[in-house]
Each structure stands twice: as structure tokens, then as C-alpha cells.
Amino acid sequence: MDMIRASLKNPVALFMFAIGIILLGLIAFADLAIDLFPDISLPVITVQTNYEGASPQDIEMTITRPIEKRVSRIQNVRYVSSRSREGVSNVTVEFYWGSDLNVASNDIQQSINQILDNLPEDSDLPVIRKFDPSQIPVINLSLSGPMDEYRLRELAEDFIAPRLETLKGVASANVYGGRVREIQVDVDRPSWKEIIFLWTEYRRPSIRDIWTFPEGA
């Protein structure tokens, strides 16, 4: 009641106080940082491995599962998930909140280094990335036309993506989908035995190399 009476007796002071609060709010709002993707550090690290021309089944068996088994043993790992697509393996490692991602990234790198010899020779080296919301694609474009899926992918990779990457403010343009051209060789049984013999003499592969050779375009 005393506050109400004081306000009624001094309306000018109350009005000036309200104006001051509004001005402070406007100044604070002008200095407030606004970002579509705030700079936050989520305890998530992804491991991406490219193996061009390999089927999802080959990717799952030769790359995704070995990496999953290895990184799941790292300290403070909360959850491990994966996705195997044609030519690409993605393994996502989620840590508990408060984990040091720099230390976690080093642990993942060391774990993967221990199994590099077991991964396919023709695959790219695994790439480790910390989750960054700012790297989420801003625009997704779909491509269609009177061409087959092979030519559409070649058009996207050789012409459209490079042009997009030259635009100001574009960090990268990635191509997904379509089909990658592959070559299938059919030989008769005697020739096949001779090819296997020559191949083993040249490479001397271990048992894990059992005659699966995905070939890109």
C-alpha cells in the first residue's frame, strides 16, 4: 500500500523510472547477439569414411562395424550410432555432457589408428569432426531431368557443385544420391583361376581381403 501511495503522489518520478527501464531494455536488446545457429558445443563427434563404389553392405561390414566396436570402448561414451550408405560410412559418437571434446577427439583418433590396417586399402582415411550447428546445410537442392541417374550425378559433381562453391559465402557443396558408374567383369572359370593366382602372387592378401573389389567410376 505504501508503494502505491508513493506512486500516486509522485507520478512524474514513476513515469521517468518506467522510461529508464524501457531505454535500458532497448540498449540491451541492441547489443544482444542473435544467431540462427548459436555457438554451442554439443558432446557429439562424427567419423566419416568414404569408400567410393562400395555397396552399403560392404561399407557396413568392412568399415562401420570395426569403427563402432573400437570407439564404443572409449571413456565417457554415452551412445554410438551409425549409418552406412553407398560409398560413405558415418559413425556418430555421443559423449556425456561435460566431456572434453578435444580429449575425446584425440582418443577416437588413437582408437581408429589401431584398426587402419584392417580397413579396405582403397578407402579414404576416416575424417573426425566435432558437431557444429553452423555446418548444417542451409539449402538442399534436388536435381531432375531427362537423363539417367549416372549422368545426373556427373552433372551435379562436375558442373553444379563447383559453380556453387565459387559463390560468396558458400563454404562447400556436397553431392548425394544418384548412382555411381561401376564396371562388372565376367570371365570363364579357367581364366578366373588364373586371375586369382596372379593376384595373390602380386598382392599376397590376407584372409580378410577375400575377393571383394568395389570399383568407382
C-alpha atoms as a PDB file:
ATOM      1  CA  MET A   1       0.000   0.000   0.000  1.00  0.00           C
ATOM      2  CA  ASP A   2       2.833   2.420   0.819  1.00  0.00           C
ATOM      3  CA  MET A   3       4.365   1.817  -2.614  1.00  0.00           C
ATOM      4  CA  ILE A   4       1.057   2.504  -4.332  1.00  0.00           C
ATOM      5  CA  ARG A   5       0.532   5.708  -2.349  1.00  0.00           C
ATOM      6  CA  ALA A   6       4.075   6.879  -3.112  1.00  0.00           C
ATOM      7  CA  SER A   7       3.490   6.202  -6.824  1.00  0.00           C
ATOM      8  CA  LEU A   8       0.244   8.153  -6.820  1.00  0.00           C
ATOM      9  CA  LYS A   9       1.878  11.100  -5.045  1.00  0.00           C
ATOM     10  CA  ASN A  10       4.867  11.122  -7.453  1.00  0.00           C
ATOM     11  CA  PRO A  11       3.548  10.236 -10.942  1.00  0.00           C
ATOM     12  CA  VAL A  12       6.388  12.069 -12.695  1.00  0.00           C
ATOM     13  CA  ALA A  13       9.050  10.058 -10.879  1.00  0.00           C
ATOM     14  CA  LEU A  14       7.196   6.825 -11.668  1.00  0.00           C
ATOM     15  CA  PHE A  15       6.942   7.824 -15.332  1.00  0.00           C
ATOM     16  CA  MET A  16      10.685   8.624 -15.525  1.00  0.00           C
ATOM     17  CA  PHE A  17      11.508   5.302 -13.865  1.00  0.00           C
ATOM     18  CA  ALA A  18       9.426   3.414 -16.456  1.00  0.00           C
ATOM     19  CA  ILE A  19      11.098   5.314 -19.295  1.00  0.00           C
ATOM     20  CA  GLY A  20      14.508   4.415 -17.871  1.00  0.00           C
ATOM     21  CA  ILE A  21      13.601   0.717 -17.734  1.00  0.00           C
ATOM     22  CA  ILE A  22      12.429   0.826 -21.362  1.00  0.00           C
ATOM     23  CA  LEU A  23      15.632   2.578 -22.517  1.00  0.00           C
ATOM     24  CA  LEU A  24      17.809   0.028 -20.734  1.00  0.00           C
ATOM     25  CA  GLY A  25      15.831  -2.770 -22.357  1.00  0.00           C
ATOM     26  CA  LEU A  26      16.287  -1.265 -25.824  1.00  0.00           C
ATOM     27  CA  ILE A  27      20.037  -0.852 -25.289  1.00  0.00           C
ATOM     28  CA  ALA A  28      20.372  -4.423 -24.053  1.00  0.00           C
ATOM     29  CA  PHE A  29      18.343  -5.738 -26.989  1.00  0.00           C
ATOM     30  CA  ALA A  30      20.554  -3.867 -29.477  1.00  0.00           C
ATOM     31  CA  ASP A  31      23.681  -5.491 -28.018  1.00  0.00           C
ATOM     32  CA  LEU A  32      22.100  -8.957 -27.815  1.00  0.00           C
ATOM     33  CA  ALA A  33      23.840 -11.435 -30.137  1.00  0.00           C
ATOM     34  CA  ILE A  34      21.385 -13.218 -32.406  1.00  0.00           C
ATOM     35  CA  ASP A  35      22.408 -16.250 -34.448  1.00  0.00           C
ATOM     36  CA  LEU A  36      20.373 -18.808 -36.357  1.00  0.00           C
ATOM     37  CA  PHE A  37      22.841 -21.469 -35.178  1.00  0.00           C
ATOM     38  CA  PRO A  38      24.234 -20.372 -31.789  1.00  0.00           C
ATOM     39  CA  ASP A  39      27.823 -21.192 -30.950  1.00  0.00           C
ATOM     40  CA  ILE A  40      27.245 -24.178 -28.694  1.00  0.00           C
ATOM     41  CA  SER A  41      29.406 -27.190 -28.094  1.00  0.00           C
ATOM     42  CA  LEU A  42      27.407 -30.412 -28.213  1.00  0.00           C
ATOM     43  CA  PRO A  43      29.237 -33.526 -26.960  1.00  0.00           C
ATOM     44  CA  VAL A  44      28.977 -35.234 -30.342  1.00  0.00           C
ATOM     45  CA  ILE A  45      31.748 -36.334 -32.716  1.00  0.00           C
ATOM     46  CA  THR A  46      31.260 -37.924 -36.123  1.00  0.00           C
ATOM     47  CA  VAL A  47      33.625 -40.216 -38.022  1.00  0.00           C
ATOM     48  CA  GLN A  48      33.129 -40.240 -41.797  1.00  0.00           C
ATOM     49  CA  THR A  49      34.889 -42.649 -44.132  1.00  0.00           C
ATOM     50  CA  ASN A  50      34.487 -42.604 -47.902  1.00  0.00           C
ATOM     51  CA  TYR A  51      34.858 -45.782 -49.954  1.00  0.00           C
ATOM     52  CA  GLU A  52      33.780 -44.910 -53.452  1.00  0.00           C
ATOM     53  CA  GLY A  53      31.881 -47.570 -55.351  1.00  0.00           C
ATOM     54  CA  ALA A  54      31.286 -49.841 -52.331  1.00  0.00           C
ATOM     55  CA  SER A  55      27.767 -51.052 -51.566  1.00  0.00           C
ATOM     56  CA  PRO A  56      26.086 -50.250 -48.226  1.00  0.00           C
ATOM     57  CA  GLN A  57      26.584 -53.892 -47.177  1.00  0.00           C
ATOM     58  CA  ASP A  58      30.341 -53.722 -47.833  1.00  0.00           C
ATOM     59  CA  ILE A  59      30.547 -50.387 -46.043  1.00  0.00           C
ATOM     60  CA  GLU A  60      28.737 -51.840 -43.014  1.00  0.00           C
ATOM     61  CA  MET A  61      30.890 -54.968 -42.740  1.00  0.00           C
ATOM     62  CA  THR A  62      34.356 -53.590 -43.581  1.00  0.00           C
ATOM     63  CA  ILE A  63      34.265 -50.056 -42.152  1.00  0.00           C
ATOM     64  CA  THR A  64      31.274 -49.150 -39.989  1.00  0.00           C
ATOM     65  CA  ARG A  65      31.254 -52.113 -37.611  1.00  0.00           C
ATOM     66  CA  PRO A  66      35.018 -52.122 -36.899  1.00  0.00           C
ATOM     67  CA  ILE A  67      34.929 -48.401 -36.117  1.00  0.00           C
ATOM     68  CA  GLU A  68      31.823 -48.796 -33.941  1.00  0.00           C
ATOM     69  CA  LYS A  69      33.400 -51.557 -31.878  1.00  0.00           C
ATOM     70  CA  ARG A  70      36.581 -49.571 -31.367  1.00  0.00           C
ATOM     71  CA  VAL A  71      35.108 -46.192 -30.408  1.00  0.00           C
ATOM     72  CA  SER A  72      32.483 -47.716 -28.095  1.00  0.00           C
ATOM     73  CA  ARG A  73      35.305 -48.625 -25.695  1.00  0.00           C
ATOM     74  CA  ILE A  74      36.353 -45.005 -25.205  1.00  0.00           C
ATOM     75  CA  GLN A  75      35.742 -43.444 -21.798  1.00  0.00           C
ATOM     76  CA  ASN A  76      32.628 -41.269 -21.273  1.00  0.00           C
ATOM     77  CA  VAL A  77      30.911 -42.552 -24.424  1.00  0.00           C
ATOM     78  CA  ARG A  78      27.146 -42.386 -23.929  1.00  0.00           C
ATOM     79  CA  TYR A  79      25.803 -43.654 -27.239  1.00  0.00           C
ATOM     80  CA  VAL A  80      27.138 -44.775 -30.622  1.00  0.00           C
ATOM     81  CA  SER A  81      25.068 -44.791 -33.803  1.00  0.00           C
ATOM     82  CA  SER A  82      25.956 -45.301 -37.439  1.00  0.00           C
ATOM     83  CA  ARG A  83      24.684 -45.033 -40.975  1.00  0.00           C
ATOM     84  CA  SER A  84      26.087 -46.915 -43.957  1.00  0.00           C
ATOM     85  CA  ARG A  85      25.277 -45.624 -47.420  1.00  0.00           C
ATOM     86  CA  GLU A  86      26.718 -46.314 -50.828  1.00  0.00           C
ATOM     87  CA  GLY A  87      30.330 -45.174 -50.682  1.00  0.00           C
ATOM     88  CA  VAL A  88      30.065 -43.492 -47.259  1.00  0.00           C
ATOM     89  CA  SER A  89      30.235 -44.647 -43.637  1.00  0.00           C
ATOM     90  CA  ASN A  90      29.106 -42.299 -40.847  1.00  0.00           C
ATOM     91  CA  VAL A  91      29.620 -43.187 -37.193  1.00  0.00           C
ATOM     92  CA  THR A  92      28.255 -40.761 -34.579  1.00  0.00           C
ATOM     93  CA  VAL A  93      29.687 -40.867 -31.057  1.00  0.00           C
ATOM     94  CA  GLU A  94      27.773 -39.082 -28.297  1.00  0.00           C
ATOM     95  CA  PHE A  95      29.556 -38.300 -25.034  1.00  0.00           C
ATOM     96  CA  TYR A  96      28.240 -37.302 -21.628  1.00  0.00           C
ATOM     97  CA  TRP A  97      27.799 -33.580 -21.029  1.00  0.00           C
ATOM     98  CA  GLY A  98      30.924 -32.011 -19.577  1.00  0.00           C
ATOM     99  CA  SER A  99      33.311 -34.253 -21.518  1.00  0.00           C
ATOM    100  CA  ASP A 100      36.331 -32.553 -23.043  1.00  0.00           C
ATOM    101  CA  LEU A 101      35.801 -32.915 -26.800  1.00  0.00           C
ATOM    102  CA  ASN A 102      39.453 -32.217 -27.561  1.00  0.00           C
ATOM    103  CA  VAL A 103      40.482 -35.181 -25.424  1.00  0.00           C
ATOM    104  CA  ALA A 104      37.630 -37.267 -26.843  1.00  0.00           C
ATOM    105  CA  SER A 105      38.673 -36.430 -30.405  1.00  0.00           C
ATOM    106  CA  ASN A 106      42.247 -37.493 -29.676  1.00  0.00           C
ATOM    107  CA  ASP A 107      41.004 -40.741 -28.107  1.00  0.00           C
ATOM    108  CA  ILE A 108      38.908 -41.504 -31.195  1.00  0.00           C
ATOM    109  CA  GLN A 109      41.860 -40.777 -33.477  1.00  0.00           C
ATOM    110  CA  GLN A 110      44.116 -43.096 -31.498  1.00  0.00           C
ATOM    111  CA  SER A 111      41.490 -45.851 -31.494  1.00  0.00           C
ATOM    112  CA  ILE A 112      40.975 -45.607 -35.246  1.00  0.00           C
ATOM    113  CA  ASN A 113      44.723 -45.601 -35.892  1.00  0.00           C
ATOM    114  CA  GLN A 114      44.840 -49.056 -34.313  1.00  0.00           C
ATOM    115  CA  ILE A 115      42.498 -50.514 -36.940  1.00  0.00           C
ATOM    116  CA  LEU A 116      43.615 -48.643 -40.045  1.00  0.00           C
ATOM    117  CA  ASP A 117      45.380 -51.748 -41.323  1.00  0.00           C
ATOM    118  CA  ASN A 118      42.092 -53.655 -41.108  1.00  0.00           C
ATOM    119  CA  LEU A 119      40.137 -51.175 -43.224  1.00  0.00           C
ATOM    120  CA  PRO A 120      39.933 -51.571 -47.017  1.00  0.00           C
ATOM    121  CA  GLU A 121      43.071 -50.359 -48.761  1.00  0.00           C
ATOM    122  CA  ASP A 122      41.133 -48.304 -51.318  1.00  0.00           C
ATOM    123  CA  SER A 123      39.040 -46.440 -48.751  1.00  0.00           C
ATOM    124  CA  ASP A 124      39.853 -42.894 -47.686  1.00  0.00           C
ATOM    125  CA  LEU A 125      41.205 -42.172 -44.249  1.00  0.00           C
ATOM    126  CA  PRO A 126      38.452 -41.630 -41.647  1.00  0.00           C
ATOM    127  CA  VAL A 127      37.692 -37.965 -41.009  1.00  0.00           C
ATOM    128  CA  ILE A 128      36.825 -36.950 -37.437  1.00  0.00           C
ATOM    129  CA  ARG A 129      34.588 -33.912 -36.955  1.00  0.00           C
ATOM    130  CA  LYS A 130      33.132 -32.245 -33.897  1.00  0.00           C
ATOM    131  CA  PHE A 131      29.450 -31.444 -34.257  1.00  0.00           C
ATOM    132  CA  ASP A 132      28.985 -27.816 -35.290  1.00  0.00           C
ATOM    133  CA  PRO A 133      25.438 -26.474 -35.874  1.00  0.00           C
ATOM    134  CA  SER A 134      26.842 -23.855 -38.244  1.00  0.00           C
ATOM    135  CA  GLN A 135      27.865 -26.651 -40.623  1.00  0.00           C
ATOM    136  CA  ILE A 136      24.272 -27.799 -41.127  1.00  0.00           C
ATOM    137  CA  PRO A 137      23.327 -27.282 -44.791  1.00  0.00           C
ATOM    138  CA  VAL A 138      21.371 -24.090 -45.273  1.00  0.00           C
ATOM    139  CA  ILE A 139      19.888 -25.064 -48.650  1.00  0.00           C
ATOM    140  CA  ASN A 140      19.169 -28.504 -50.111  1.00  0.00           C
ATOM    141  CA  LEU A 141      18.732 -28.654 -53.864  1.00  0.00           C
ATOM    142  CA  SER A 142      17.292 -31.577 -55.829  1.00  0.00           C
ATOM    143  CA  LEU A 143      18.188 -32.290 -59.430  1.00  0.00           C
ATOM    144  CA  SER A 144      15.993 -33.992 -62.022  1.00  0.00           C
ATOM    145  CA  GLY A 145      15.812 -34.091 -65.775  1.00  0.00           C
ATOM    146  CA  PRO A 146      15.641 -36.226 -68.918  1.00  0.00           C
ATOM    147  CA  MET A 147      18.861 -38.095 -68.041  1.00  0.00           C
ATOM    148  CA  ASP A 148      19.687 -41.316 -66.277  1.00  0.00           C
ATOM    149  CA  GLU A 149      20.896 -41.269 -62.664  1.00  0.00           C
ATOM    150  CA  TYR A 150      24.555 -41.666 -63.666  1.00  0.00           C
ATOM    151  CA  ARG A 151      24.586 -38.564 -65.860  1.00  0.00           C
ATOM    152  CA  LEU A 152      22.628 -36.526 -63.327  1.00  0.00           C
ATOM    153  CA  ARG A 153      25.218 -37.286 -60.647  1.00  0.00           C
ATOM    154  CA  GLU A 154      28.086 -36.477 -63.016  1.00  0.00           C
ATOM    155  CA  LEU A 155      26.368 -33.195 -63.886  1.00  0.00           C
ATOM    156  CA  ALA A 156      25.980 -32.337 -60.200  1.00  0.00           C
ATOM    157  CA  GLU A 157      29.567 -33.283 -59.299  1.00  0.00           C
ATOM    158  CA  ASP A 158      31.375 -31.836 -62.311  1.00  0.00           C
ATOM    159  CA  PHE A 159      29.364 -28.712 -63.052  1.00  0.00           C
ATOM    160  CA  ILE A 160      26.774 -27.620 -60.476  1.00  0.00           C
ATOM    161  CA  ALA A 161      28.675 -28.219 -57.190  1.00  0.00           C
ATOM    162  CA  PRO A 162      31.893 -26.447 -58.349  1.00  0.00           C
ATOM    163  CA  ARG A 163      29.852 -23.451 -59.528  1.00  0.00           C
ATOM    164  CA  LEU A 164      28.019 -23.244 -56.183  1.00  0.00           C
ATOM    165  CA  GLU A 165      31.288 -23.343 -54.248  1.00  0.00           C
ATOM    166  CA  THR A 166      32.517 -20.260 -56.123  1.00  0.00           C
ATOM    167  CA  LEU A 167      29.606 -18.178 -54.777  1.00  0.00           C
ATOM    168  CA  LYS A 168      30.381 -15.736 -51.998  1.00  0.00           C
ATOM    169  CA  GLY A 169      29.523 -17.099 -48.558  1.00  0.00           C
ATOM    170  CA  VAL A 170      29.320 -20.755 -49.679  1.00  0.00           C
ATOM    171  CA  ALA A 171      31.695 -22.945 -47.681  1.00  0.00           C
ATOM    172  CA  SER A 172      31.111 -26.200 -49.526  1.00  0.00           C
ATOM    173  CA  ALA A 173      28.630 -28.054 -51.716  1.00  0.00           C
ATOM    174  CA  ASN A 174      28.228 -31.808 -51.309  1.00  0.00           C
ATOM    175  CA  VAL A 175      26.524 -34.195 -53.725  1.00  0.00           C
ATOM    176  CA  TYR A 176      24.413 -37.114 -52.524  1.00  0.00           C
ATOM    177  CA  GLY A 177      22.214 -39.614 -54.280  1.00  0.00           C
ATOM    178  CA  GLY A 178      22.197 -40.776 -57.859  1.00  0.00           C
ATOM    179  CA  ARG A 179      24.267 -43.709 -58.985  1.00  0.00           C
ATOM    180  CA  VAL A 180      27.992 -44.158 -59.369  1.00  0.00           C
ATOM    181  CA  ARG A 181      29.079 -45.929 -62.510  1.00  0.00           C
ATOM    182  CA  GLU A 182      30.709 -49.315 -61.977  1.00  0.00           C
ATOM    183  CA  ILE A 183      32.336 -51.910 -64.192  1.00  0.00           C
ATOM    184  CA  GLN A 184      31.497 -55.613 -63.965  1.00  0.00           C
ATOM    185  CA  VAL A 185      33.893 -58.139 -65.493  1.00  0.00           C
ATOM    186  CA  ASP A 186      32.653 -61.629 -66.370  1.00  0.00           C
ATOM    187  CA  VAL A 187      35.273 -64.318 -67.047  1.00  0.00           C
ATOM    188  CA  ASP A 188      35.105 -68.062 -67.522  1.00  0.00           C
ATOM    189  CA  ARG A 189      36.274 -70.379 -64.761  1.00  0.00           C
ATOM    190  CA  PRO A 190      39.776 -71.223 -66.093  1.00  0.00           C
ATOM    191  CA  SER A 191      40.582 -67.558 -66.653  1.00  0.00           C
ATOM    192  CA  TRP A 192      39.224 -66.681 -63.224  1.00  0.00           C
ATOM    193  CA  LYS A 193      41.506 -69.197 -61.536  1.00  0.00           C
ATOM    194  CA  GLU A 194      44.475 -67.758 -63.383  1.00  0.00           C
ATOM    195  CA  ILE A 195      43.488 -64.212 -62.407  1.00  0.00           C
ATOM    196  CA  ILE A 196      43.210 -65.211 -58.732  1.00  0.00           C
ATOM    197  CA  PHE A 197      46.623 -66.872 -58.859  1.00  0.00           C
ATOM    198  CA  LEU A 198      48.265 -63.819 -60.411  1.00  0.00           C
ATOM    199  CA  TRP A 199      46.518 -61.515 -57.986  1.00  0.00           C
ATOM    200  CA  THR A 200      47.617 -63.481 -54.929  1.00  0.00           C
ATOM    201  CA  GLU A 201      51.185 -63.558 -56.192  1.00  0.00           C
ATOM    202  CA  TYR A 202      51.161 -59.808 -56.696  1.00  0.00           C
ATOM    203  CA  ARG A 203      49.384 -58.655 -53.549  1.00  0.00           C
ATOM    204  CA  ARG A 204      49.631 -61.651 -51.227  1.00  0.00           C
ATOM    205  CA  PRO A 205      46.488 -60.550 -49.390  1.00  0.00           C
ATOM    206  CA  SER A 206      45.492 -61.825 -46.002  1.00  0.00           C
ATOM    207  CA  ILE A 207      42.283 -63.758 -45.464  1.00  0.00           C
ATOM    208  CA  ARG A 208      40.314 -60.569 -44.783  1.00  0.00           C
ATOM    209  CA  ASP A 209      40.853 -59.396 -48.398  1.00  0.00           C
ATOM    210  CA  ILE A 210      38.515 -62.013 -49.783  1.00  0.00           C
ATOM    211  CA  TRP A 211      37.811 -61.012 -53.344  1.00  0.00           C
ATOM    212  CA  THR A 212      35.536 -58.023 -52.876  1.00  0.00           C
ATOM    213  CA  PHE A 213      36.782 -55.192 -55.037  1.00  0.00           C
ATOM    214  CA  PRO A 214      34.338 -52.289 -55.381  1.00  0.00           C
ATOM    215  CA  GLU A 215      35.299 -50.046 -58.245  1.00  0.00           C
ATOM    216  CA  GLY A 216      34.165 -46.470 -58.756  1.00  0.00           C
ATOM    217  CA  ALA A 217      33.532 -44.629 -61.977  1.00  0.00           C
END
